[in-house]
Every structure is written in C-alpha cells, then in structure tokens.
Amino acid sequence: MDAGAPLRGHDQILTHHQGGTAVPVLRQITTCTTPSTVVVERRTRARDRPVDYRLEVCRRHRWLADRWTGRRGPEGAGGRCGTVTDYRPFAAIMQSHADLWLRALTTNAPEDHGGDLAAALRAGFEWLTTYREPTGVATALEHAARIAEATAAGILQPAEGQAQVLAALSLAETLDAGARGA
C-alpha cells in the first residue's frame, strides 16, 4: 500500500487473520443483559473459518436478527443478548457495519465515497455532529476515521489499523445501542 494513497475500499486493508487463523471480532449490538433465546449462526465451508458469525438475541430483541442470515434456533443460546462473534474478513465485517448500522445512523457508507472508508467514517461523524448532539457514538466514529486515515497514510500498519478501526466501530455500535435503549 502506497503510504500517500487514500484508504480506498475497505477490502484493501488486510483481512483480520493471524498466522492463517481468523481472529474473532466481538461486537455488542444491544445493551440488554438478558440471556439469549435465539442464536443465528452462519457457517462456511472454509477450513480456516467454519463459522462466519454467531449472533445471540433474547426474545424481546429477536427482531434485530431479521437481517442476519444463517441457521436459527435455541441451540447454544444463553449468552448475553446482542453479542456477535464475527469471524469474517475485514471487508465483510465493514460491509455488515455499513449495511446494518452505519448507513441507517449517518446516511453514509464507503460506497457513497468511492469506497473510501476513512471518508465515509468522517462524513458519518460530521453528519452526527451537524444534525444531532455530539455523543460518544460520534466521538468513536471520528476516532475510527482518524485511524483509517492514519492507516492510509502509512502511520499504522494495515493489520493494526484494521483491528483498531473494528474496535472503534464496535464501541460506537454498542454506545448507539445504549442510546436507543436496545
């Protein structure tokens, strides 16, 4: 990656693998502490990643699983509601964030900015601070944008930047869930 090149296409940051094994990303899409009653698990045929993701939701929040594909059932339920253990490559996780959360919250996604992840996150931050009160969600989005910009500039190694972007977005998503009462 050219140190001066913009961060184009969230798929150009390395996938989140260490030594060939997928490193799971933990996301929390609710603040509900009720034990889950439904698990949505999407499996793959990939040797290094037999599961794409696993989402757990309680009865009250089962509507959140409507847009998540995979096998649904009570098997393995009982974890915290809203927990997503995500094993997918970085680009797939970013697309999930954009499709299921970022666009609905900020009207922005990377495809609206020529695939430029940093620009989409920056635009999301600006939208939130212009049309809503600045919150922890906006601050976390701005932090994710700064990380993506630093990665594009070569200040951070791609794998490090990717992990930090995912952590900042996971925090933003959890803070948003709390603000919405989910």
N, C-alpha and C. Protein backbone atom coordinates (compact mmCIF):
# COMPACT_ATOMS: atom_id res chain seq x y z
N MET A 1 0.85 -1.18 0.00
CA MET A 1 0.00 0.00 0.00
C MET A 1 0.89 1.23 0.00
N ASP A 2 0.65 2.13 -0.92
CA ASP A 2 1.38 3.38 -1.01
C ASP A 2 1.07 4.24 0.22
N ALA A 3 2.09 4.69 0.92
CA ALA A 3 1.89 5.44 2.15
C ALA A 3 1.07 6.70 1.94
N GLY A 4 1.14 7.29 0.75
CA GLY A 4 0.40 8.51 0.50
C GLY A 4 -0.97 8.28 -0.11
N ALA A 5 -1.29 7.03 -0.41
CA ALA A 5 -2.56 6.73 -1.08
C ALA A 5 -3.71 6.78 -0.08
N PRO A 6 -4.88 7.28 -0.53
CA PRO A 6 -6.03 7.27 0.36
C PRO A 6 -6.46 5.83 0.62
N LEU A 7 -7.12 5.63 1.73
CA LEU A 7 -7.62 4.30 2.08
C LEU A 7 -8.84 4.04 1.23
N ARG A 8 -8.64 3.40 0.12
CA ARG A 8 -9.70 3.11 -0.83
C ARG A 8 -10.19 1.71 -0.60
N GLY A 9 -11.47 1.56 -0.56
CA GLY A 9 -12.05 0.24 -0.46
C GLY A 9 -11.65 -0.46 0.82
N HIS A 10 -12.62 -0.68 1.67
CA HIS A 10 -12.32 -1.30 2.95
C HIS A 10 -11.75 -2.69 2.77
N ASP A 11 -11.82 -3.27 1.58
CA ASP A 11 -11.24 -4.57 1.35
C ASP A 11 -9.74 -4.50 1.13
N GLN A 12 -9.17 -3.30 1.00
CA GLN A 12 -7.75 -3.18 0.77
C GLN A 12 -6.94 -3.20 2.06
N ILE A 13 -7.59 -3.09 3.19
CA ILE A 13 -6.88 -3.31 4.44
C ILE A 13 -6.83 -4.83 4.61
N LEU A 14 -5.75 -5.34 5.13
CA LEU A 14 -5.61 -6.79 5.25
C LEU A 14 -6.77 -7.40 6.02
N THR A 15 -7.05 -8.67 5.72
CA THR A 15 -8.08 -9.37 6.48
C THR A 15 -7.57 -9.59 7.90
N HIS A 16 -8.47 -9.81 8.83
CA HIS A 16 -8.07 -9.94 10.23
C HIS A 16 -7.68 -11.37 10.58
N HIS A 17 -6.58 -11.80 9.99
CA HIS A 17 -6.07 -13.14 10.24
C HIS A 17 -4.69 -13.02 10.88
N GLN A 18 -4.40 -13.93 11.79
CA GLN A 18 -3.07 -14.00 12.38
C GLN A 18 -2.60 -15.44 12.19
N GLY A 19 -1.52 -15.62 11.50
CA GLY A 19 -1.00 -16.96 11.30
C GLY A 19 -1.96 -17.87 10.56
N GLY A 20 -2.81 -17.34 9.71
CA GLY A 20 -3.72 -18.14 8.92
C GLY A 20 -5.03 -18.47 9.60
N THR A 21 -5.20 -18.09 10.85
CA THR A 21 -6.43 -18.39 11.58
C THR A 21 -7.22 -17.10 11.79
N ALA A 22 -8.51 -17.17 11.56
CA ALA A 22 -9.36 -16.00 11.75
C ALA A 22 -9.38 -15.60 13.22
N VAL A 23 -9.24 -14.32 13.47
CA VAL A 23 -9.31 -13.78 14.82
C VAL A 23 -10.73 -13.22 14.99
N PRO A 24 -11.50 -13.71 15.94
CA PRO A 24 -12.87 -13.22 16.05
C PRO A 24 -12.94 -11.78 16.53
N VAL A 25 -13.94 -11.09 16.05
CA VAL A 25 -14.23 -9.73 16.47
C VAL A 25 -15.51 -9.80 17.29
N LEU A 26 -15.47 -9.27 18.49
CA LEU A 26 -16.64 -9.27 19.36
C LEU A 26 -17.37 -7.95 19.19
N ARG A 27 -18.64 -8.04 18.85
CA ARG A 27 -19.49 -6.85 18.70
C ARG A 27 -20.66 -7.00 19.68
N GLN A 28 -21.18 -5.88 20.14
CA GLN A 28 -22.33 -5.89 21.03
C GLN A 28 -23.36 -4.93 20.47
N ILE A 29 -24.47 -5.45 19.93
CA ILE A 29 -25.45 -4.60 19.26
C ILE A 29 -26.64 -4.25 20.14
N THR A 30 -26.63 -4.71 21.38
CA THR A 30 -27.62 -4.27 22.37
C THR A 30 -26.90 -4.04 23.69
N THR A 31 -27.57 -3.37 24.60
CA THR A 31 -27.06 -3.25 25.96
C THR A 31 -27.84 -4.16 26.90
N CYS A 32 -28.71 -4.96 26.34
CA CYS A 32 -29.56 -5.87 27.09
C CYS A 32 -28.70 -6.96 27.74
N THR A 33 -28.96 -7.23 29.00
CA THR A 33 -28.19 -8.26 29.71
C THR A 33 -28.99 -9.56 29.86
N THR A 34 -30.16 -9.62 29.25
CA THR A 34 -30.99 -10.82 29.31
C THR A 34 -30.30 -11.95 28.54
N PRO A 35 -30.36 -13.16 29.05
CA PRO A 35 -29.78 -14.28 28.30
C PRO A 35 -30.48 -14.46 26.95
N SER A 36 -29.70 -14.83 25.96
CA SER A 36 -30.26 -15.04 24.62
C SER A 36 -31.16 -16.27 24.61
N THR A 37 -32.13 -16.23 23.70
CA THR A 37 -33.01 -17.38 23.48
C THR A 37 -32.90 -17.88 22.04
N VAL A 38 -32.32 -17.06 21.17
CA VAL A 38 -32.16 -17.40 19.76
C VAL A 38 -30.72 -17.15 19.35
N VAL A 39 -30.17 -18.08 18.60
CA VAL A 39 -28.84 -17.95 18.04
C VAL A 39 -28.97 -18.02 16.52
N VAL A 40 -28.32 -17.07 15.83
CA VAL A 40 -28.21 -17.12 14.38
C VAL A 40 -26.73 -17.37 14.10
N GLU A 41 -26.47 -18.48 13.42
CA GLU A 41 -25.09 -18.84 13.12
C GLU A 41 -24.98 -19.11 11.63
N ARG A 42 -24.07 -18.39 10.99
CA ARG A 42 -23.83 -18.63 9.57
C ARG A 42 -22.52 -19.37 9.44
N ARG A 43 -22.60 -20.57 8.87
CA ARG A 43 -21.44 -21.42 8.70
C ARG A 43 -20.89 -21.29 7.29
N THR A 44 -19.61 -21.64 7.13
CA THR A 44 -18.95 -21.62 5.82
C THR A 44 -18.29 -22.97 5.59
N ARG A 45 -17.77 -23.13 4.42
CA ARG A 45 -17.01 -24.34 4.12
C ARG A 45 -15.50 -24.09 4.18
N ALA A 46 -15.12 -22.89 4.56
CA ALA A 46 -13.70 -22.54 4.63
C ALA A 46 -13.03 -23.32 5.76
N ARG A 47 -11.88 -23.90 5.48
CA ARG A 47 -11.17 -24.69 6.50
C ARG A 47 -10.71 -23.85 7.68
N ASP A 48 -10.24 -22.63 7.38
CA ASP A 48 -9.72 -21.79 8.45
C ASP A 48 -10.81 -21.01 9.17
N ARG A 49 -12.05 -21.09 8.67
CA ARG A 49 -13.13 -20.30 9.26
C ARG A 49 -14.47 -21.01 9.05
N PRO A 50 -14.76 -22.04 9.86
CA PRO A 50 -16.01 -22.78 9.66
C PRO A 50 -17.27 -21.97 9.99
N VAL A 51 -17.13 -20.89 10.74
CA VAL A 51 -18.27 -20.05 11.10
C VAL A 51 -17.97 -18.62 10.66
N ASP A 52 -18.93 -17.99 9.95
CA ASP A 52 -18.79 -16.57 9.60
C ASP A 52 -19.08 -15.71 10.82
N TYR A 53 -20.22 -15.96 11.44
CA TYR A 53 -20.59 -15.21 12.64
C TYR A 53 -21.61 -15.97 13.44
N ARG A 54 -21.77 -15.52 14.67
CA ARG A 54 -22.76 -16.07 15.59
C ARG A 54 -23.38 -14.89 16.31
N LEU A 55 -24.69 -14.74 16.19
CA LEU A 55 -25.44 -13.66 16.83
C LEU A 55 -26.38 -14.27 17.86
N GLU A 56 -26.41 -13.69 19.06
CA GLU A 56 -27.32 -14.14 20.11
C GLU A 56 -28.26 -13.00 20.48
N VAL A 57 -29.56 -13.29 20.53
CA VAL A 57 -30.56 -12.29 20.93
C VAL A 57 -31.59 -12.92 21.84
N CYS A 58 -32.17 -12.09 22.69
CA CYS A 58 -33.25 -12.54 23.57
C CYS A 58 -34.59 -12.43 22.82
N ARG A 59 -35.64 -12.88 23.45
CA ARG A 59 -36.97 -12.85 22.83
C ARG A 59 -37.37 -11.42 22.45
N ARG A 60 -37.12 -10.46 23.33
CA ARG A 60 -37.51 -9.07 23.07
C ARG A 60 -36.74 -8.46 21.90
N HIS A 61 -35.51 -8.85 21.69
CA HIS A 61 -34.67 -8.27 20.64
C HIS A 61 -34.52 -9.18 19.42
N ARG A 62 -35.34 -10.21 19.29
CA ARG A 62 -35.18 -11.13 18.15
C ARG A 62 -35.37 -10.44 16.80
N TRP A 63 -36.07 -9.31 16.78
CA TRP A 63 -36.24 -8.55 15.54
C TRP A 63 -34.91 -8.09 14.96
N LEU A 64 -33.90 -7.92 15.83
CA LEU A 64 -32.59 -7.50 15.35
C LEU A 64 -31.94 -8.55 14.45
N ALA A 65 -32.36 -9.79 14.58
CA ALA A 65 -31.78 -10.87 13.80
C ALA A 65 -32.41 -11.00 12.41
N ASP A 66 -33.43 -10.21 12.12
CA ASP A 66 -34.15 -10.34 10.85
C ASP A 66 -33.25 -10.22 9.63
N ARG A 67 -32.25 -9.37 9.67
CA ARG A 67 -31.39 -9.14 8.50
C ARG A 67 -30.10 -9.96 8.55
N TRP A 68 -29.97 -10.84 9.53
CA TRP A 68 -28.80 -11.70 9.65
C TRP A 68 -29.18 -13.08 9.12
N THR A 69 -28.45 -13.58 8.11
CA THR A 69 -28.77 -14.88 7.54
C THR A 69 -28.02 -15.98 8.27
N GLY A 70 -28.58 -17.17 8.24
CA GLY A 70 -27.93 -18.32 8.86
C GLY A 70 -28.94 -19.19 9.57
N ARG A 71 -28.44 -20.25 10.15
CA ARG A 71 -29.27 -21.19 10.90
C ARG A 71 -29.73 -20.54 12.19
N ARG A 72 -31.02 -20.61 12.45
CA ARG A 72 -31.61 -20.02 13.66
C ARG A 72 -32.15 -21.10 14.57
N GLY A 73 -31.98 -20.89 15.84
CA GLY A 73 -32.55 -21.84 16.78
C GLY A 73 -32.09 -21.56 18.19
N PRO A 74 -32.61 -22.32 19.13
CA PRO A 74 -32.24 -22.12 20.53
C PRO A 74 -30.96 -22.83 20.94
N GLU A 75 -30.42 -23.69 20.06
CA GLU A 75 -29.21 -24.45 20.40
C GLU A 75 -28.05 -23.50 20.70
N GLY A 76 -27.46 -23.66 21.86
CA GLY A 76 -26.32 -22.83 22.24
C GLY A 76 -26.68 -21.47 22.78
N ALA A 77 -27.99 -21.20 22.92
CA ALA A 77 -28.42 -19.90 23.46
C ALA A 77 -28.11 -19.83 24.95
N GLY A 78 -28.20 -18.64 25.49
CA GLY A 78 -27.96 -18.44 26.91
C GLY A 78 -26.88 -17.40 27.18
N GLY A 79 -26.16 -17.01 26.13
CA GLY A 79 -25.16 -15.95 26.28
C GLY A 79 -25.88 -14.60 26.37
N ARG A 80 -25.13 -13.54 26.41
CA ARG A 80 -25.71 -12.20 26.54
C ARG A 80 -26.40 -11.77 25.24
N CYS A 81 -27.56 -11.21 25.35
CA CYS A 81 -28.32 -10.71 24.21
C CYS A 81 -27.50 -9.66 23.47
N GLY A 82 -27.50 -9.75 22.14
CA GLY A 82 -26.84 -8.76 21.30
C GLY A 82 -25.39 -9.04 21.00
N THR A 83 -24.86 -10.13 21.51
CA THR A 83 -23.46 -10.45 21.26
C THR A 83 -23.30 -11.05 19.86
N VAL A 84 -22.36 -10.49 19.12
CA VAL A 84 -21.99 -11.02 17.80
C VAL A 84 -20.52 -11.40 17.88
N THR A 85 -20.23 -12.66 17.60
CA THR A 85 -18.85 -13.10 17.46
C THR A 85 -18.65 -13.26 15.96
N ASP A 86 -17.81 -12.41 15.40
CA ASP A 86 -17.68 -12.29 13.95
C ASP A 86 -16.31 -12.76 13.50
N TYR A 87 -16.28 -13.78 12.65
CA TYR A 87 -15.04 -14.37 12.16
C TYR A 87 -14.75 -13.98 10.70
N ARG A 88 -15.58 -13.17 10.11
CA ARG A 88 -15.44 -12.85 8.69
C ARG A 88 -14.21 -11.97 8.44
N PRO A 89 -13.79 -11.91 7.18
CA PRO A 89 -12.71 -10.99 6.82
C PRO A 89 -13.14 -9.54 7.05
N PHE A 90 -12.16 -8.68 7.18
CA PHE A 90 -12.41 -7.27 7.48
C PHE A 90 -13.44 -6.64 6.54
N ALA A 91 -13.30 -6.86 5.24
CA ALA A 91 -14.21 -6.25 4.27
C ALA A 91 -15.65 -6.66 4.53
N ALA A 92 -15.87 -7.92 4.88
CA ALA A 92 -17.23 -8.40 5.14
C ALA A 92 -17.79 -7.79 6.44
N ILE A 93 -16.95 -7.65 7.45
CA ILE A 93 -17.41 -7.03 8.69
C ILE A 93 -17.73 -5.55 8.44
N MET A 94 -16.88 -4.88 7.67
CA MET A 94 -17.15 -3.47 7.36
C MET A 94 -18.45 -3.32 6.57
N GLN A 95 -18.68 -4.22 5.63
CA GLN A 95 -19.92 -4.16 4.85
C GLN A 95 -21.13 -4.37 5.76
N SER A 96 -20.99 -5.27 6.72
CA SER A 96 -22.06 -5.51 7.68
C SER A 96 -22.33 -4.26 8.52
N HIS A 97 -21.26 -3.64 9.01
CA HIS A 97 -21.42 -2.38 9.76
C HIS A 97 -22.13 -1.35 8.90
N ALA A 98 -21.71 -1.23 7.65
CA ALA A 98 -22.32 -0.23 6.75
C ALA A 98 -23.78 -0.54 6.47
N ASP A 99 -24.08 -1.78 6.11
CA ASP A 99 -25.44 -2.16 5.73
C ASP A 99 -26.42 -2.16 6.90
N LEU A 100 -25.99 -2.66 8.04
CA LEU A 100 -26.92 -2.87 9.15
C LEU A 100 -26.92 -1.74 10.18
N TRP A 101 -25.93 -0.84 10.09
CA TRP A 101 -25.85 0.16 11.16
C TRP A 101 -25.44 1.55 10.66
N LEU A 102 -24.28 1.67 10.04
CA LEU A 102 -23.72 2.98 9.71
C LEU A 102 -24.61 3.80 8.79
N ARG A 103 -25.12 3.20 7.72
CA ARG A 103 -25.96 3.94 6.78
C ARG A 103 -27.26 4.40 7.45
N ALA A 104 -27.86 3.53 8.23
CA ALA A 104 -29.11 3.90 8.91
C ALA A 104 -28.88 5.04 9.92
N LEU A 105 -27.73 5.05 10.54
CA LEU A 105 -27.42 6.06 11.55
C LEU A 105 -26.97 7.39 10.94
N THR A 106 -26.15 7.32 9.89
CA THR A 106 -25.50 8.54 9.39
C THR A 106 -25.78 8.88 7.93
N THR A 107 -26.50 8.06 7.24
CA THR A 107 -26.78 8.18 5.80
C THR A 107 -25.51 8.05 4.96
N ASN A 108 -24.45 7.49 5.49
CA ASN A 108 -23.17 7.35 4.78
C ASN A 108 -22.66 5.92 4.85
N ALA A 109 -21.96 5.52 3.81
CA ALA A 109 -21.26 4.24 3.76
C ALA A 109 -20.10 4.40 2.79
N PRO A 110 -19.11 3.50 2.84
CA PRO A 110 -17.95 3.65 1.95
C PRO A 110 -18.31 3.78 0.47
N GLU A 111 -19.32 3.06 0.00
CA GLU A 111 -19.66 3.15 -1.42
C GLU A 111 -20.16 4.54 -1.82
N ASP A 112 -20.61 5.33 -0.86
CA ASP A 112 -21.01 6.71 -1.14
C ASP A 112 -19.81 7.65 -1.31
N HIS A 113 -18.63 7.14 -1.01
CA HIS A 113 -17.40 7.94 -1.05
C HIS A 113 -16.34 7.24 -1.88
N GLY A 114 -16.78 6.61 -2.97
CA GLY A 114 -15.85 5.93 -3.86
C GLY A 114 -15.10 4.79 -3.21
N GLY A 115 -15.70 4.18 -2.19
CA GLY A 115 -15.05 3.08 -1.49
C GLY A 115 -14.06 3.53 -0.43
N ASP A 116 -13.98 4.80 -0.18
CA ASP A 116 -13.03 5.36 0.79
C ASP A 116 -13.62 5.26 2.20
N LEU A 117 -13.12 4.30 2.96
CA LEU A 117 -13.62 4.05 4.31
C LEU A 117 -13.43 5.25 5.22
N ALA A 118 -12.25 5.84 5.20
CA ALA A 118 -11.97 7.00 6.06
C ALA A 118 -12.94 8.14 5.76
N ALA A 119 -13.19 8.40 4.47
CA ALA A 119 -14.11 9.48 4.10
C ALA A 119 -15.53 9.19 4.57
N ALA A 120 -15.95 7.93 4.48
CA ALA A 120 -17.29 7.57 4.93
C ALA A 120 -17.43 7.76 6.44
N LEU A 121 -16.41 7.34 7.18
CA LEU A 121 -16.46 7.49 8.64
C LEU A 121 -16.41 8.96 9.03
N ARG A 122 -15.58 9.74 8.35
CA ARG A 122 -15.50 11.18 8.62
C ARG A 122 -16.84 11.84 8.31
N ALA A 123 -17.47 11.49 7.17
CA ALA A 123 -18.78 12.05 6.81
C ALA A 123 -19.84 11.64 7.83
N GLY A 124 -19.77 10.42 8.32
CA GLY A 124 -20.70 9.98 9.35
C GLY A 124 -20.56 10.80 10.62
N PHE A 125 -19.32 11.04 11.03
CA PHE A 125 -19.06 11.89 12.20
C PHE A 125 -19.62 13.29 11.98
N GLU A 126 -19.34 13.86 10.82
CA GLU A 126 -19.81 15.22 10.53
C GLU A 126 -21.34 15.28 10.49
N TRP A 127 -21.97 14.25 9.94
CA TRP A 127 -23.43 14.23 9.90
C TRP A 127 -23.98 14.19 11.32
N LEU A 128 -23.42 13.32 12.16
CA LEU A 128 -23.91 13.20 13.54
C LEU A 128 -23.72 14.50 14.31
N THR A 129 -22.59 15.16 14.13
CA THR A 129 -22.35 16.38 14.90
C THR A 129 -23.09 17.58 14.32
N THR A 130 -23.53 17.48 13.08
CA THR A 130 -24.31 18.56 12.47
C THR A 130 -25.80 18.43 12.78
N TYR A 131 -26.32 17.22 12.69
CA TYR A 131 -27.76 17.00 12.81
C TYR A 131 -28.21 16.42 14.14
N ARG A 132 -27.28 16.03 14.97
CA ARG A 132 -27.60 15.52 16.31
C ARG A 132 -26.59 16.09 17.28
N GLU A 133 -26.85 15.88 18.53
CA GLU A 133 -25.90 16.32 19.55
C GLU A 133 -24.65 15.44 19.48
N PRO A 134 -23.48 16.02 19.66
CA PRO A 134 -22.29 15.18 19.71
C PRO A 134 -22.41 14.18 20.87
N THR A 135 -22.11 12.94 20.59
CA THR A 135 -22.23 11.87 21.58
C THR A 135 -20.98 11.02 21.55
N GLY A 136 -20.96 10.02 22.41
CA GLY A 136 -19.88 9.05 22.37
C GLY A 136 -19.85 8.31 21.05
N VAL A 137 -21.02 8.11 20.44
CA VAL A 137 -21.08 7.45 19.14
C VAL A 137 -20.31 8.27 18.11
N ALA A 138 -20.58 9.57 18.06
CA ALA A 138 -19.88 10.45 17.12
C ALA A 138 -18.38 10.45 17.39
N THR A 139 -18.01 10.51 18.64
CA THR A 139 -16.59 10.52 19.01
C THR A 139 -15.90 9.23 18.58
N ALA A 140 -16.56 8.10 18.78
CA ALA A 140 -15.98 6.82 18.37
C ALA A 140 -15.88 6.73 16.84
N LEU A 141 -16.87 7.26 16.12
CA LEU A 141 -16.79 7.29 14.66
C LEU A 141 -15.64 8.16 14.18
N GLU A 142 -15.47 9.30 14.83
CA GLU A 142 -14.38 10.20 14.46
C GLU A 142 -13.03 9.52 14.73
N HIS A 143 -12.95 8.80 15.82
CA HIS A 143 -11.72 8.07 16.14
C HIS A 143 -11.45 7.00 15.08
N ALA A 144 -12.49 6.28 14.67
CA ALA A 144 -12.33 5.27 13.62
C ALA A 144 -11.86 5.92 12.32
N ALA A 145 -12.39 7.10 12.00
CA ALA A 145 -11.98 7.83 10.80
C ALA A 145 -10.50 8.20 10.89
N ARG A 146 -10.08 8.69 12.04
CA ARG A 146 -8.68 9.07 12.22
C ARG A 146 -7.75 7.86 12.08
N ILE A 147 -8.18 6.72 12.60
CA ILE A 147 -7.38 5.50 12.47
C ILE A 147 -7.28 5.10 11.00
N ALA A 148 -8.40 5.13 10.29
CA ALA A 148 -8.40 4.77 8.87
C ALA A 148 -7.50 5.73 8.08
N GLU A 149 -7.54 7.01 8.41
CA GLU A 149 -6.68 7.99 7.74
C GLU A 149 -5.20 7.72 8.03
N ALA A 150 -4.89 7.39 9.29
CA ALA A 150 -3.51 7.10 9.67
C ALA A 150 -3.02 5.83 8.98
N THR A 151 -3.88 4.87 8.83
CA THR A 151 -3.52 3.64 8.13
C THR A 151 -3.24 3.92 6.67
N ALA A 152 -4.11 4.72 6.05
CA ALA A 152 -3.92 5.08 4.64
C ALA A 152 -2.63 5.85 4.43
N ALA A 153 -2.24 6.65 5.42
CA ALA A 153 -1.01 7.45 5.30
C ALA A 153 0.24 6.65 5.65
N GLY A 154 0.07 5.39 6.06
CA GLY A 154 1.21 4.55 6.39
C GLY A 154 1.73 4.73 7.80
N ILE A 155 1.02 5.49 8.62
CA ILE A 155 1.44 5.69 10.01
C ILE A 155 1.21 4.42 10.82
N LEU A 156 0.12 3.72 10.51
CA LEU A 156 -0.17 2.44 11.15
C LEU A 156 -0.04 1.33 10.12
N GLN A 157 0.43 0.18 10.55
CA GLN A 157 0.45 -0.98 9.68
C GLN A 157 -1.00 -1.37 9.38
N PRO A 158 -1.27 -1.89 8.19
CA PRO A 158 -2.65 -2.23 7.84
C PRO A 158 -3.37 -3.12 8.84
N ALA A 159 -2.73 -4.18 9.31
CA ALA A 159 -3.40 -5.08 10.25
C ALA A 159 -3.71 -4.38 11.57
N GLU A 160 -2.79 -3.53 12.03
CA GLU A 160 -3.01 -2.78 13.27
C GLU A 160 -4.15 -1.78 13.10
N GLY A 161 -4.14 -1.06 11.99
CA GLY A 161 -5.20 -0.09 11.72
C GLY A 161 -6.55 -0.76 11.62
N GLN A 162 -6.57 -1.88 10.93
CA GLN A 162 -7.81 -2.63 10.77
C GLN A 162 -8.39 -3.04 12.13
N ALA A 163 -7.56 -3.60 12.98
CA ALA A 163 -8.03 -4.04 14.30
C ALA A 163 -8.55 -2.85 15.10
N GLN A 164 -7.86 -1.71 15.02
CA GLN A 164 -8.30 -0.53 15.76
C GLN A 164 -9.59 0.06 15.19
N VAL A 165 -9.75 0.05 13.87
CA VAL A 165 -11.00 0.53 13.26
C VAL A 165 -12.16 -0.34 13.74
N LEU A 166 -11.97 -1.66 13.71
CA LEU A 166 -13.04 -2.55 14.15
C LEU A 166 -13.38 -2.34 15.63
N ALA A 167 -12.38 -2.11 16.45
CA ALA A 167 -12.63 -1.87 17.88
C ALA A 167 -13.41 -0.57 18.07
N ALA A 168 -13.02 0.48 17.36
CA ALA A 168 -13.72 1.77 17.48
C ALA A 168 -15.16 1.66 16.99
N LEU A 169 -15.37 0.95 15.88
CA LEU A 169 -16.74 0.80 15.36
C LEU A 169 -17.58 -0.08 16.27
N SER A 170 -16.98 -1.10 16.86
CA SER A 170 -17.71 -1.94 17.80
C SER A 170 -18.16 -1.13 19.01
N LEU A 171 -17.28 -0.26 19.49
CA LEU A 171 -17.64 0.62 20.60
C LEU A 171 -18.76 1.57 20.20
N ALA A 172 -18.64 2.18 19.01
CA ALA A 172 -19.68 3.10 18.54
C ALA A 172 -21.03 2.40 18.43
N GLU A 173 -21.02 1.19 17.90
CA GLU A 173 -22.26 0.42 17.74
C GLU A 173 -22.89 0.10 19.10
N THR A 174 -22.07 -0.24 20.08
CA THR A 174 -22.57 -0.54 21.42
C THR A 174 -23.11 0.73 22.08
N LEU A 175 -22.39 1.84 21.95
CA LEU A 175 -22.89 3.11 22.51
C LEU A 175 -24.21 3.53 21.88
N ASP A 176 -24.34 3.32 20.57
CA ASP A 176 -25.58 3.64 19.87
C ASP A 176 -26.72 2.76 20.38
N ALA A 177 -26.44 1.48 20.60
CA ALA A 177 -27.47 0.58 21.13
C ALA A 177 -27.96 1.09 22.48
N GLY A 178 -27.02 1.54 23.32
CA GLY A 178 -27.40 2.07 24.63
C GLY A 178 -28.25 3.34 24.51
N ALA A 179 -27.87 4.21 23.59
CA ALA A 179 -28.62 5.45 23.39
C ALA A 179 -30.02 5.19 22.86
N ARG A 180 -30.19 4.13 22.08
CA ARG A 180 -31.51 3.78 21.53
C ARG A 180 -32.33 2.93 22.49
N GLY A 181 -31.70 2.50 23.57
CA GLY A 181 -32.41 1.64 24.51
C GLY A 181 -32.54 0.21 24.03
N ALA A 182 -31.70 -0.18 23.10
CA ALA A 182 -31.77 -1.56 22.57
C ALA A 182 -31.08 -2.51 23.51
